[in-house]
């Protein structure tokens, strides 16, 4: 275990601060875009419309997607022999690459969940600002949560009672995290793997989740679940070139 941690620690040092930086940058960009397009309204219903319109006009979901792609790039780079001679380090330590790859995938998943949490915190802050900008007699917390439910991007960030969307987000993070760890593993052995790019694009496109979105959410659950199972099998199996 100490040998695996000795390899995971340098990777964590290379990724944690970069992921936090990308997360904060994406959140800051969304705040600026939201404030640019947000206009104060005089009624609760109009204020809800103003919030949803600011999210749509500001293209906040696209900023989230760009941040997600950057986080995936940050996670995969340490294993690609750039800046850190990962393959040489592994050979020196004699660690089991398969176990390490799965542990690395777990670390990546945690960092992706942190990215999600920071974007959610930014969305809550924006919604709170919208609530405070409304006249006291017309604004209430119920209208705030109603706005979250009606805005596909905000609803995906904070699904509340919509547990299938929560599970989809968690599985998506796990699939992207494991793929970011599996890609360098396969490349070190001369096998090309492009699953990460495909999954990252799909996760970006499917992330906004309107209410009653059972079809797209079900597709995401099946896709991410199957991807995790296949990647674990492909990492754990023995290849002819490793004999």
C-alpha atoms as a PDB file:
ATOM      1  CA  UNK A   1       0.000   0.000   0.000  1.00  0.00           C
ATOM      2  CA  UNK A   2       2.824   2.419   0.804  1.00  0.00           C
ATOM      3  CA  UNK A   3       4.312   1.851  -2.651  1.00  0.00           C
ATOM      4  CA  UNK A   4       0.988   2.622  -4.319  1.00  0.00           C
ATOM      5  CA  UNK A   5       0.537   5.747  -2.211  1.00  0.00           C
ATOM      6  CA  UNK A   6       4.075   6.823  -3.083  1.00  0.00           C
ATOM      7  CA  UNK A   7       3.005   6.897  -6.736  1.00  0.00           C
ATOM      8  CA  UNK A   8      -0.454   8.352  -6.110  1.00  0.00           C
ATOM      9  CA  UNK A   9       0.869  11.233  -4.006  1.00  0.00           C
ATOM     10  CA  UNK A  10       2.899  12.931  -6.784  1.00  0.00           C
ATOM     11  CA  UNK A  11      -0.057  12.534  -9.151  1.00  0.00           C
ATOM     12  CA  UNK A  12      -2.355  14.109  -6.562  1.00  0.00           C
ATOM     13  CA  UNK A  13       0.037  17.016  -6.125  1.00  0.00           C
ATOM     14  CA  UNK A  14       0.002  17.575  -9.879  1.00  0.00           C
ATOM     15  CA  UNK A  15      -3.786  17.433 -10.218  1.00  0.00           C
ATOM     16  CA  UNK A  16      -5.496  18.677  -7.050  1.00  0.00           C
ATOM     17  CA  UNK A  17      -4.510  22.336  -7.305  1.00  0.00           C
ATOM     18  CA  UNK A  18      -5.035  22.405 -11.067  1.00  0.00           C
ATOM     19  CA  UNK A  19      -8.523  20.913 -10.713  1.00  0.00           C
ATOM     20  CA  UNK A  20      -9.353  23.443  -7.993  1.00  0.00           C
ATOM     21  CA  UNK A  21      -8.040  26.228 -10.220  1.00  0.00           C
ATOM     22  CA  UNK A  22     -10.115  25.105 -13.220  1.00  0.00           C
ATOM     23  CA  UNK A  23     -13.171  24.643 -10.985  1.00  0.00           C
ATOM     24  CA  UNK A  24     -12.906  28.139  -9.543  1.00  0.00           C
ATOM     25  CA  UNK A  25     -12.226  29.631 -12.981  1.00  0.00           C
ATOM     26  CA  UNK A  26     -15.320  27.942 -14.437  1.00  0.00           C
ATOM     27  CA  UNK A  27     -17.432  29.046 -11.475  1.00  0.00           C
ATOM     28  CA  UNK A  28     -16.145  32.615 -11.756  1.00  0.00           C
ATOM     29  CA  UNK A  29     -16.880  32.737 -15.478  1.00  0.00           C
ATOM     30  CA  UNK A  30     -20.428  31.532 -14.841  1.00  0.00           C
ATOM     31  CA  UNK A  31     -20.965  34.174 -12.176  1.00  0.00           C
ATOM     32  CA  UNK A  32     -19.789  36.944 -14.519  1.00  0.00           C
ATOM     33  CA  UNK A  33     -21.961  35.704 -17.384  1.00  0.00           C
ATOM     34  CA  UNK A  34     -24.989  35.331 -15.139  1.00  0.00           C
ATOM     35  CA  UNK A  35     -24.653  38.841 -13.708  1.00  0.00           C
ATOM     36  CA  UNK A  36     -24.220  40.217 -17.218  1.00  0.00           C
ATOM     37  CA  UNK A  37     -27.545  38.814 -18.399  1.00  0.00           C
ATOM     38  CA  UNK A  38     -29.540  38.942 -15.172  1.00  0.00           C
ATOM     39  CA  UNK A  39     -32.154  41.665 -14.794  1.00  0.00           C
ATOM     40  CA  UNK A  40     -34.081  42.467 -11.605  1.00  0.00           C
ATOM     41  CA  UNK A  41     -37.826  41.807 -11.802  1.00  0.00           C
ATOM     42  CA  UNK A  42     -40.719  43.008  -9.668  1.00  0.00           C
ATOM     43  CA  UNK A  43     -42.578  39.747  -9.106  1.00  0.00           C
ATOM     44  CA  UNK A  44     -41.672  36.240  -8.042  1.00  0.00           C
ATOM     45  CA  UNK A  45     -42.753  34.678 -11.332  1.00  0.00           C
ATOM     46  CA  UNK A  46     -40.859  37.285 -13.333  1.00  0.00           C
ATOM     47  CA  UNK A  47     -37.782  36.806 -11.156  1.00  0.00           C
ATOM     48  CA  UNK A  48     -37.844  33.058 -11.801  1.00  0.00           C
ATOM     49  CA  UNK A  49     -38.038  33.807 -15.501  1.00  0.00           C
ATOM     50  CA  UNK A  50     -35.149  36.239 -15.152  1.00  0.00           C
ATOM     51  CA  UNK A  51     -32.997  33.568 -13.499  1.00  0.00           C
ATOM     52  CA  UNK A  52     -33.748  30.917 -16.114  1.00  0.00           C
ATOM     53  CA  UNK A  53     -33.219  33.421 -18.919  1.00  0.00           C
ATOM     54  CA  UNK A  54     -29.856  34.535 -17.493  1.00  0.00           C
ATOM     55  CA  UNK A  55     -28.708  30.896 -17.267  1.00  0.00           C
ATOM     56  CA  UNK A  56     -29.802  30.277 -20.855  1.00  0.00           C
ATOM     57  CA  UNK A  57     -28.474  33.516 -22.363  1.00  0.00           C
ATOM     58  CA  UNK A  58     -25.182  33.258 -20.470  1.00  0.00           C
ATOM     59  CA  UNK A  59     -24.616  29.713 -21.769  1.00  0.00           C
ATOM     60  CA  UNK A  60     -23.636  28.582 -18.279  1.00  0.00           C
ATOM     61  CA  UNK A  61     -23.911  24.917 -19.213  1.00  0.00           C
ATOM     62  CA  UNK A  62     -21.337  25.434 -21.981  1.00  0.00           C
ATOM     63  CA  UNK A  63     -18.930  26.967 -19.475  1.00  0.00           C
ATOM     64  CA  UNK A  64     -19.501  23.957 -17.236  1.00  0.00           C
ATOM     65  CA  UNK A  65     -18.776  21.646 -20.172  1.00  0.00           C
ATOM     66  CA  UNK A  66     -15.577  23.478 -21.058  1.00  0.00           C
ATOM     67  CA  UNK A  67     -14.461  23.269 -17.431  1.00  0.00           C
ATOM     68  CA  UNK A  68     -15.255  19.558 -17.344  1.00  0.00           C
ATOM     69  CA  UNK A  69     -13.148  18.926 -20.438  1.00  0.00           C
ATOM     70  CA  UNK A  70     -10.260  20.896 -18.926  1.00  0.00           C
ATOM     71  CA  UNK A  71     -10.496  18.914 -15.685  1.00  0.00           C
ATOM     72  CA  UNK A  72     -10.360  15.650 -17.660  1.00  0.00           C
ATOM     73  CA  UNK A  73      -7.261  16.922 -19.472  1.00  0.00           C
ATOM     74  CA  UNK A  74      -5.645  17.839 -16.155  1.00  0.00           C
ATOM     75  CA  UNK A  75      -6.378  14.379 -14.755  1.00  0.00           C
ATOM     76  CA  UNK A  76      -4.965  12.454 -17.689  1.00  0.00           C
ATOM     77  CA  UNK A  77      -1.745  14.390 -18.294  1.00  0.00           C
ATOM     78  CA  UNK A  78       0.314  13.127 -15.305  1.00  0.00           C
ATOM     79  CA  UNK A  79       0.120   9.569 -16.630  1.00  0.00           C
ATOM     80  CA  UNK A  80       1.224  10.383 -20.171  1.00  0.00           C
ATOM     81  CA  UNK A  81       4.968  10.623 -19.452  1.00  0.00           C
ATOM     82  CA  UNK A  82       4.885  14.420 -19.656  1.00  0.00           C
ATOM     83  CA  UNK A  83       6.597  16.129 -16.776  1.00  0.00           C
ATOM     84  CA  UNK A  84       6.406  12.936 -14.710  1.00  0.00           C
ATOM     85  CA  UNK A  85       8.053   9.692 -15.893  1.00  0.00           C
ATOM     86  CA  UNK A  86       5.182   7.560 -14.662  1.00  0.00           C
ATOM     87  CA  UNK A  87       6.170   4.359 -16.413  1.00  0.00           C
ATOM     88  CA  UNK A  88       9.749   4.541 -15.133  1.00  0.00           C
ATOM     89  CA  UNK A  89       8.526   5.230 -11.585  1.00  0.00           C
ATOM     90  CA  UNK A  90       6.163   2.267 -11.685  1.00  0.00           C
ATOM     91  CA  UNK A  91       8.880  -0.058 -12.919  1.00  0.00           C
ATOM     92  CA  UNK A  92      11.229   1.081 -10.147  1.00  0.00           C
ATOM     93  CA  UNK A  93       8.644   0.593  -7.420  1.00  0.00           C
ATOM     94  CA  UNK A  94       7.370  -2.678  -8.836  1.00  0.00           C
ATOM     95  CA  UNK A  95       3.733  -1.820  -8.078  1.00  0.00           C
ATOM     96  CA  UNK A  96       0.762  -3.614  -9.602  1.00  0.00           C
ATOM     97  CA  UNK A  97      -0.311  -1.274 -12.376  1.00  0.00           C
ATOM     98  CA  UNK A  98      -3.847  -2.612 -12.411  1.00  0.00           C
ATOM     99  CA  UNK A  99      -4.529  -1.923  -8.756  1.00  0.00           C
ATOM    100  CA  UNK A 100      -2.829   1.452  -9.046  1.00  0.00           C
ATOM    101  CA  UNK A 101      -4.934   2.357 -12.096  1.00  0.00           C
ATOM    102  CA  UNK A 102      -8.143   1.625 -10.194  1.00  0.00           C
ATOM    103  CA  UNK A 103      -6.922   3.641  -7.194  1.00  0.00           C
ATOM    104  CA  UNK A 104      -5.954   6.459  -9.535  1.00  0.00           C
ATOM    105  CA  UNK A 105      -9.460   6.272 -11.011  1.00  0.00           C
ATOM    106  CA  UNK A 106     -10.905   6.662  -7.523  1.00  0.00           C
ATOM    107  CA  UNK A 107      -8.772   9.742  -6.903  1.00  0.00           C
ATOM    108  CA  UNK A 108      -9.875  11.217 -10.231  1.00  0.00           C
ATOM    109  CA  UNK A 109     -13.518  10.529  -9.373  1.00  0.00           C
ATOM    110  CA  UNK A 110     -13.156  12.408  -6.104  1.00  0.00           C
ATOM    111  CA  UNK A 111     -11.664  15.415  -7.914  1.00  0.00           C
ATOM    112  CA  UNK A 112     -14.501  15.386 -10.469  1.00  0.00           C
ATOM    113  CA  UNK A 113     -17.034  15.356  -7.625  1.00  0.00           C
ATOM    114  CA  UNK A 114     -15.226  18.361  -6.143  1.00  0.00           C
ATOM    115  CA  UNK A 115     -15.578  20.122  -9.508  1.00  0.00           C
ATOM    116  CA  UNK A 116     -19.309  19.355  -9.447  1.00  0.00           C
ATOM    117  CA  UNK A 117     -19.602  20.620  -5.863  1.00  0.00           C
ATOM    118  CA  UNK A 118     -17.890  23.932  -6.648  1.00  0.00           C
ATOM    119  CA  UNK A 119     -20.159  24.543  -9.647  1.00  0.00           C
ATOM    120  CA  UNK A 120     -23.176  23.717  -7.470  1.00  0.00           C
ATOM    121  CA  UNK A 121     -22.014  26.165  -4.805  1.00  0.00           C
ATOM    122  CA  UNK A 122     -21.689  28.873  -7.464  1.00  0.00           C
ATOM    123  CA  UNK A 123     -25.208  28.123  -8.733  1.00  0.00           C
ATOM    124  CA  UNK A 124     -26.620  28.316  -5.207  1.00  0.00           C
ATOM    125  CA  UNK A 125     -24.867  31.634  -4.700  1.00  0.00           C
ATOM    126  CA  UNK A 126     -26.353  32.998  -7.919  1.00  0.00           C
ATOM    127  CA  UNK A 127     -29.822  31.779  -6.988  1.00  0.00           C
ATOM    128  CA  UNK A 128     -29.436  33.357  -3.558  1.00  0.00           C
ATOM    129  CA  UNK A 129     -28.457  36.640  -5.201  1.00  0.00           C
ATOM    130  CA  UNK A 130     -31.536  36.403  -7.402  1.00  0.00           C
ATOM    131  CA  UNK A 131     -33.690  35.776  -4.314  1.00  0.00           C
ATOM    132  CA  UNK A 132     -32.257  38.814  -2.509  1.00  0.00           C
ATOM    133  CA  UNK A 133     -32.712  40.994  -5.607  1.00  0.00           C
ATOM    134  CA  UNK A 134     -36.434  40.255  -5.603  1.00  0.00           C
ATOM    135  CA  UNK A 135     -38.822  42.428  -3.570  1.00  0.00           C
ATOM    136  CA  UNK A 136     -39.256  40.904  -0.114  1.00  0.00           C
ATOM    137  CA  UNK A 137     -43.026  40.615  -0.460  1.00  0.00           C
ATOM    138  CA  UNK A 138     -42.824  38.685  -3.734  1.00  0.00           C
ATOM    139  CA  UNK A 139     -39.750  36.512  -3.263  1.00  0.00           C
ATOM    140  CA  UNK A 140     -39.565  33.309  -1.246  1.00  0.00           C
ATOM    141  CA  UNK A 141     -37.479  30.172  -1.011  1.00  0.00           C
ATOM    142  CA  UNK A 142     -40.175  28.143  -2.715  1.00  0.00           C
ATOM    143  CA  UNK A 143     -39.846  30.213  -5.869  1.00  0.00           C
ATOM    144  CA  UNK A 144     -36.069  29.799  -5.641  1.00  0.00           C
ATOM    145  CA  UNK A 145     -36.277  25.998  -5.640  1.00  0.00           C
ATOM    146  CA  UNK A 146     -38.950  26.208  -8.320  1.00  0.00           C
ATOM    147  CA  UNK A 147     -36.435  28.070 -10.487  1.00  0.00           C
ATOM    148  CA  UNK A 148     -33.849  25.333  -9.884  1.00  0.00           C
ATOM    149  CA  UNK A 149     -36.362  22.698 -10.930  1.00  0.00           C
ATOM    150  CA  UNK A 150     -37.291  24.570 -14.116  1.00  0.00           C
ATOM    151  CA  UNK A 151     -33.720  25.328 -15.202  1.00  0.00           C
ATOM    152  CA  UNK A 152     -32.189  22.172 -16.747  1.00  0.00           C
ATOM    153  CA  UNK A 153     -28.590  23.125 -15.949  1.00  0.00           C
ATOM    154  CA  UNK A 154     -29.297  24.118 -12.335  1.00  0.00           C
ATOM    155  CA  UNK A 155     -31.497  21.061 -11.860  1.00  0.00           C
ATOM    156  CA  UNK A 156     -28.631  18.825 -13.015  1.00  0.00           C
ATOM    157  CA  UNK A 157     -26.286  20.484 -10.522  1.00  0.00           C
ATOM    158  CA  UNK A 158     -28.726  20.176  -7.614  1.00  0.00           C
ATOM    159  CA  UNK A 159     -31.311  17.514  -8.485  1.00  0.00           C
ATOM    160  CA  UNK A 160     -32.723  17.489  -4.912  1.00  0.00           C
ATOM    161  CA  UNK A 161     -35.304  14.675  -4.918  1.00  0.00           C
ATOM    162  CA  UNK A 162     -34.380  13.499  -8.444  1.00  0.00           C
ATOM    163  CA  UNK A 163     -32.167  10.574  -7.375  1.00  0.00           C
ATOM    164  CA  UNK A 164     -31.706   9.108 -10.888  1.00  0.00           C
ATOM    165  CA  UNK A 165     -29.972  12.351 -11.913  1.00  0.00           C
ATOM    166  CA  UNK A 166     -27.790  12.245  -8.785  1.00  0.00           C
ATOM    167  CA  UNK A 167     -26.817   8.647  -9.555  1.00  0.00           C
ATOM    168  CA  UNK A 168     -26.145   9.550 -13.187  1.00  0.00           C
ATOM    169  CA  UNK A 169     -23.820  12.358 -12.110  1.00  0.00           C
ATOM    170  CA  UNK A 170     -21.934  10.106  -9.691  1.00  0.00           C
ATOM    171  CA  UNK A 171     -21.600   7.309 -12.266  1.00  0.00           C
ATOM    172  CA  UNK A 172     -20.510   9.861 -14.862  1.00  0.00           C
ATOM    173  CA  UNK A 173     -17.804  11.158 -12.543  1.00  0.00           C
ATOM    174  CA  UNK A 174     -16.646   7.591 -11.842  1.00  0.00           C
ATOM    175  CA  UNK A 175     -16.602   6.733 -15.551  1.00  0.00           C
ATOM    176  CA  UNK A 176     -14.594   9.838 -16.446  1.00  0.00           C
ATOM    177  CA  UNK A 177     -12.230   9.363 -13.501  1.00  0.00           C
ATOM    178  CA  UNK A 178     -11.532   5.734 -14.316  1.00  0.00           C
ATOM    179  CA  UNK A 179     -11.155   6.499 -18.012  1.00  0.00           C
ATOM    180  CA  UNK A 180      -8.625   9.254 -17.232  1.00  0.00           C
ATOM    181  CA  UNK A 181      -6.610   6.665 -15.292  1.00  0.00           C
ATOM    182  CA  UNK A 182      -7.056   3.819 -17.795  1.00  0.00           C
ATOM    183  CA  UNK A 183      -5.990   5.842 -20.836  1.00  0.00           C
ATOM    184  CA  UNK A 184      -2.342   6.268 -19.687  1.00  0.00           C
ATOM    185  CA  UNK A 185      -2.270   2.623 -18.552  1.00  0.00           C
ATOM    186  CA  UNK A 186      -3.162   1.395 -22.038  1.00  0.00           C
ATOM    187  CA  UNK A 187      -0.907   3.928 -23.764  1.00  0.00           C
ATOM    188  CA  UNK A 188       2.084   2.803 -21.712  1.00  0.00           C
ATOM    189  CA  UNK A 189       1.578  -0.674 -23.188  1.00  0.00           C
ATOM    190  CA  UNK A 190       1.163   0.541 -26.757  1.00  0.00           C
ATOM    191  CA  UNK A 191      -2.642   0.280 -26.850  1.00  0.00           C
ATOM    192  CA  UNK A 192      -4.571   3.343 -27.939  1.00  0.00           C
ATOM    193  CA  UNK A 193      -7.655   4.219 -25.897  1.00  0.00           C
ATOM    194  CA  UNK A 194      -9.968   7.124 -26.696  1.00  0.00           C
ATOM    195  CA  UNK A 195     -12.824   6.329 -24.320  1.00  0.00           C
ATOM    196  CA  UNK A 196     -12.155   9.408 -22.200  1.00  0.00           C
ATOM    197  CA  UNK A 197     -12.767  11.841 -25.063  1.00  0.00           C
ATOM    198  CA  UNK A 198     -16.031  10.127 -26.014  1.00  0.00           C
ATOM    199  CA  UNK A 199     -17.311   9.979 -22.434  1.00  0.00           C
ATOM    200  CA  UNK A 200     -16.327  13.585 -21.709  1.00  0.00           C
ATOM    201  CA  UNK A 201     -18.235  14.857 -24.759  1.00  0.00           C
ATOM    202  CA  UNK A 202     -21.279  12.730 -23.909  1.00  0.00           C
ATOM    203  CA  UNK A 203     -21.222  13.874 -20.274  1.00  0.00           C
ATOM    204  CA  UNK A 204     -21.049  17.507 -21.381  1.00  0.00           C
ATOM    205  CA  UNK A 205     -23.935  17.169 -23.841  1.00  0.00           C
ATOM    206  CA  UNK A 206     -26.189  15.132 -21.537  1.00  0.00           C
ATOM    207  CA  UNK A 207     -25.511  17.049 -18.323  1.00  0.00           C
ATOM    208  CA  UNK A 208     -28.414  19.561 -18.376  1.00  0.00           C
ATOM    209  CA  UNK A 209     -31.371  17.611 -16.996  1.00  0.00           C
ATOM    210  CA  UNK A 210     -34.890  19.008 -17.390  1.00  0.00           C
ATOM    211  CA  UNK A 211     -37.658  17.617 -15.215  1.00  0.00           C
ATOM    212  CA  UNK A 212     -39.245  14.437 -16.557  1.00  0.00           C
ATOM    213  CA  UNK A 213     -36.028  13.537 -18.360  1.00  0.00           C
ATOM    214  CA  UNK A 214     -36.226   9.802 -17.735  1.00  0.00           C
ATOM    215  CA  UNK A 215     -35.071   8.799 -21.226  1.00  0.00           C
ATOM    216  CA  UNK A 216     -31.835  10.811 -21.370  1.00  0.00           C
ATOM    217  CA  UNK A 217     -31.100  10.083 -17.712  1.00  0.00           C
ATOM    218  CA  UNK A 218     -31.640   6.366 -18.282  1.00  0.00           C
ATOM    219  CA  UNK A 219     -29.332   6.491 -21.295  1.00  0.00           C
ATOM    220  CA  UNK A 220     -26.665   8.158 -19.182  1.00  0.00           C
ATOM    221  CA  UNK A 221     -27.002   5.569 -16.414  1.00  0.00           C
ATOM    222  CA  UNK A 222     -26.690   2.679 -18.857  1.00  0.00           C
ATOM    223  CA  UNK A 223     -23.807   4.244 -20.770  1.00  0.00           C
ATOM    224  CA  UNK A 224     -21.722   5.216 -17.743  1.00  0.00           C
ATOM    225  CA  UNK A 225     -22.454   1.981 -15.907  1.00  0.00           C
ATOM    226  CA  UNK A 226     -21.483  -0.132 -18.917  1.00  0.00           C
ATOM    227  CA  UNK A 227     -18.363   1.993 -19.491  1.00  0.00           C
ATOM    228  CA  UNK A 228     -17.193   1.456 -15.900  1.00  0.00           C
ATOM    229  CA  UNK A 229     -17.714  -2.308 -16.133  1.00  0.00           C
ATOM    230  CA  UNK A 230     -15.890  -2.572 -19.472  1.00  0.00           C
ATOM    231  CA  UNK A 231     -12.997  -0.386 -18.353  1.00  0.00           C
ATOM    232  CA  UNK A 232     -12.469  -2.396 -15.170  1.00  0.00           C
ATOM    233  CA  UNK A 233     -12.453  -5.618 -17.225  1.00  0.00           C
ATOM    234  CA  UNK A 234     -10.051  -4.164 -19.797  1.00  0.00           C
ATOM    235  CA  UNK A 235      -7.683  -2.911 -17.101  1.00  0.00           C
ATOM    236  CA  UNK A 236      -7.727  -6.170 -15.157  1.00  0.00           C
ATOM    237  CA  UNK A 237      -7.312  -8.596 -18.065  1.00  0.00           C
ATOM    238  CA  UNK A 238      -3.919  -9.857 -19.187  1.00  0.00           C
ATOM    239  CA  UNK A 239      -2.735  -8.994 -22.693  1.00  0.00           C
ATOM    240  CA  UNK A 240      -0.369 -10.959 -24.932  1.00  0.00           C
ATOM    241  CA  UNK A 241       2.179  -8.141 -24.931  1.00  0.00           C
ATOM    242  CA  UNK A 242       2.458  -8.362 -21.125  1.00  0.00           C
ATOM    243  CA  UNK A 243       3.547 -11.993 -20.977  1.00  0.00           C
END
